[in-house]
Protein backbone atom coordinates (compact mmCIF):
# COMPACT_ATOMS: atom_id res chain seq x y z
CA MET A 1 71.45 -74.47 -47.97
CA ASP A 2 71.65 -77.53 -50.12
CA ALA A 3 68.87 -78.29 -52.59
CA ALA A 4 67.64 -81.41 -50.78
CA ALA A 5 67.16 -79.49 -47.53
CA GLN A 6 65.32 -76.72 -49.39
CA THR A 7 63.03 -79.28 -51.04
CA TYR A 8 62.23 -80.76 -47.61
CA ILE A 9 61.48 -77.32 -46.16
CA ASP A 10 59.33 -76.30 -49.13
CA ALA A 11 57.19 -79.42 -48.62
CA ILE A 12 56.44 -78.84 -44.91
CA ALA A 13 52.70 -78.82 -44.21
CA ALA A 14 51.22 -75.38 -43.51
CA GLU A 15 50.13 -76.42 -40.00
CA HIS A 16 53.76 -77.09 -38.95
CA ARG A 17 55.57 -74.52 -41.06
CA PRO A 18 55.41 -71.67 -38.50
CA LEU A 19 57.05 -73.82 -35.83
CA PHE A 20 59.72 -75.08 -38.21
CA ASP A 21 60.36 -71.54 -39.43
CA ARG A 22 60.72 -70.40 -35.82
CA MET A 23 63.38 -73.05 -35.11
CA HIS A 24 65.13 -72.32 -38.42
CA ARG A 25 65.20 -68.58 -37.64
CA LEU A 26 66.51 -69.09 -34.11
CA ILE A 27 69.28 -71.39 -35.30
CA LEU A 28 70.40 -69.11 -38.13
CA GLN A 29 70.22 -65.98 -35.97
CA THR A 30 72.67 -67.62 -33.59
CA TYR A 31 74.74 -69.44 -36.23
CA PRO A 32 74.39 -67.49 -39.50
CA GLU A 33 77.33 -69.45 -40.93
CA ALA A 34 75.66 -72.83 -40.28
CA ASP A 35 75.35 -75.12 -43.27
CA VAL A 36 71.87 -76.52 -43.77
CA VAL A 37 71.93 -79.96 -45.35
CA LEU A 38 69.68 -83.00 -45.46
CA SER A 39 70.92 -85.74 -43.14
CA TYR A 40 68.94 -88.69 -41.78
CA GLY A 41 66.12 -87.46 -44.03
CA MET A 42 65.73 -84.10 -42.25
CA PRO A 43 67.27 -80.63 -42.24
CA THR A 44 70.52 -80.65 -40.31
CA TYR A 45 72.37 -77.56 -39.16
CA ARG A 46 76.15 -77.95 -39.15
CA ALA A 47 78.34 -75.54 -37.19
CA GLY A 48 81.92 -76.73 -37.06
CA ASP A 49 81.89 -80.38 -36.09
CA ARG A 50 78.50 -80.20 -34.36
CA ARG A 51 75.09 -81.05 -35.77
CA LEU A 52 71.50 -80.29 -34.84
CA HIS A 53 68.73 -82.18 -36.68
CA VAL A 54 65.24 -80.69 -36.98
CA GLY A 55 62.52 -82.94 -38.39
CA VAL A 56 58.86 -82.29 -39.04
CA TRP A 57 56.40 -85.05 -38.16
CA ARG A 58 52.64 -85.39 -37.62
CA HIS A 59 52.80 -83.73 -34.19
CA GLY A 60 55.04 -80.82 -35.15
CA VAL A 61 58.85 -80.58 -34.87
CA SER A 62 61.37 -82.91 -33.26
CA VAL A 63 64.95 -81.93 -32.45
CA TYR A 64 67.81 -84.43 -32.33
CA GLY A 65 71.47 -84.02 -31.45
CA TRP A 66 70.82 -81.41 -28.75
CA ASP A 67 73.05 -81.04 -25.73
CA GLN A 68 71.36 -83.05 -22.99
CA GLU A 69 73.11 -81.23 -20.15
CA ALA A 70 71.92 -77.88 -21.49
CA GLY A 71 68.49 -79.36 -22.11
CA ALA A 72 68.06 -80.34 -18.46
CA GLY A 73 66.76 -76.90 -17.50
CA LEU A 74 64.42 -76.81 -20.47
CA LEU A 75 63.12 -80.27 -19.60
CA ALA A 76 62.69 -79.33 -15.94
CA ARG A 77 60.34 -76.56 -17.09
CA HIS A 78 58.77 -78.55 -19.93
CA PRO A 79 59.11 -82.29 -19.17
CA GLN A 80 56.52 -83.15 -21.81
CA LEU A 81 59.07 -82.28 -24.53
CA LEU A 82 61.19 -85.37 -23.93
CA SER A 83 60.17 -88.22 -26.19
CA GLY A 84 62.59 -91.06 -25.84
CA LYS A 85 66.32 -90.76 -25.43
CA GLY A 86 67.68 -87.79 -27.35
CA THR A 87 64.42 -86.54 -28.84
CA LEU A 88 62.74 -83.25 -28.06
CA ARG A 89 59.21 -83.21 -29.41
CA LEU A 90 57.58 -79.80 -29.88
CA TRP A 91 53.89 -80.07 -30.62
CA SER A 92 52.76 -77.33 -32.99
CA GLN A 93 49.73 -76.45 -30.87
CA ASP A 94 51.76 -76.22 -27.61
CA ALA A 95 55.07 -74.73 -28.77
CA HIS A 96 54.04 -71.22 -27.68
CA ASP A 97 54.71 -72.38 -24.09
CA VAL A 98 58.42 -72.65 -24.88
CA THR A 99 60.14 -69.28 -25.26
CA ASP A 100 62.56 -68.26 -27.98
CA GLU A 101 65.12 -67.67 -25.24
CA GLU A 102 64.79 -71.28 -24.04
CA LEU A 103 65.16 -72.64 -27.55
CA SER A 104 68.06 -70.32 -28.39
CA ALA A 105 69.91 -71.40 -25.25
CA LEU A 106 69.49 -75.02 -26.31
CA VAL A 107 70.75 -74.20 -29.81
CA ARG A 108 73.81 -72.37 -28.45
CA ALA A 109 74.68 -75.24 -26.13
CA SER A 110 74.12 -77.83 -28.83
CA LEU A 111 76.06 -76.18 -31.65
CA GLY A 112 78.83 -74.92 -29.40
CA PRO A 113 80.97 -71.80 -29.32
CA GLY A 114 81.03 -69.40 -32.19
CA GLY A 115 77.38 -68.42 -32.28
CA ALA A 116 76.30 -64.79 -32.63
């Protein structure tokens, strides 16, 4: 992990840190070789030529660069997650409704083959 990404993560507010840590864990469990860098001002997970951006905002965590075809099933079950084109918005207080399996499937589809 590069230093800028670590600085960003270290500064995450306590109220959103568990949700960010959950996403971080799920991504690195599936792609342990992923590089974590700061891009567009947020942690970005690079696996091969693919990228997944995970930013922390006032509401919780937003995910950018996800595979929209793979996300269709997730959005069918949780339509409230879509916030504009290409943005999944996970509210810290409601994220327990989305399972690790759903998020991991999105990660695998978004970062492509090669995951664990």
